[in-house]
Amino acid sequence: MAAAHTAPAAPAPRTAVPGATSAVLKAETRLFLREPGSLFWIVVFPTVLLVILGLVPSFRVHDDGLGGRRVIDLYVPVAVLLALIMSGLQAMPPVLTGYRERGILRRMSTTPVRPSALLGAQIALHGAAALVSALLVVTVGRTAYGVRLPEQPFGYLLALLLAVACVLALGALICSVSRTTKISATVGSVVYFAMMFTAGVWVPVQAMPDALRRVVQATPFGAASQALDRAARGDWPGWGYLGAVAAWAAVAGWAANRTFRWQ
């Protein structure tokens, strides 16, 4: 009698471990807080830069060419964007690339704790640090130099959240296309300096020549800078600026998702 052939048993599906994601987040938070260098550049440096710029007497003088505003008023949104750029383009890509380069993501893929939990924790931590830094910049600008709080708070928050999503998507894309930590640091630095310029760190977007300003406004942080500035003055950020930031975030996020490799 022919032997009966038994079909091989299907592998048991991985089941999520209760509390695994929160455990990963807690562990990553402890590691993140042990990096004083990253914390300084993300949370402290933008505010320090704002304080230094505010010490320049001419920056505290109302200028008719700026619509009666002061240069320091323009630099609060710029410092906010600088915090985001520091977090998403300088700090996050080397961390994520390092996890992949050392095989941590690959090893996690064989456990019930999915690698996406680790990536999600890093994105959440860097996004939260950027928002804390933004709040600190606005607070110091108000208390130290009398910069008005955003007069269109909902529009300001919407523009800020879109900018956070955009910078994190760009950071994830840098990680996706970088094979090693050194490459991600190099690519991140190049993009970082370009985005600093378009955000208005060296010259506020409002003070740029018309032709250059039109080009800069099409970039993610040029548009974000204009949106935040308009909301700070009490105007709606403008659907054109918000749409530009959202489009950049969507394209970068899609590209990062398509190109990201766990190993």
Foldseek 3Di string as FASTA:
>chain_A
DDDDDDDDDDDDDQDADPCLLVVLLVVVVVVVVVPVVLLCQQAPVLQVVLVVVVVPVQQLAQDVLLVRDGVSLLCLLLSLLSNLLSLQLAPQLLVLLVCLLVCVQVVCCVHSRHSVSNVVSSLVVSLVSSVNNSVVSQVCCCVVRNRAAFQQVVLLVLLSVLSNLLSNLLSLLLNLVDNHSVSSNVVSVVVSVVLSVLLQVPHRLSPDPPVVSVVSCLDQNVLSSQLNSCRSVPHRSDPVSSVSSNVSSVVSNVNSVVRHDSD
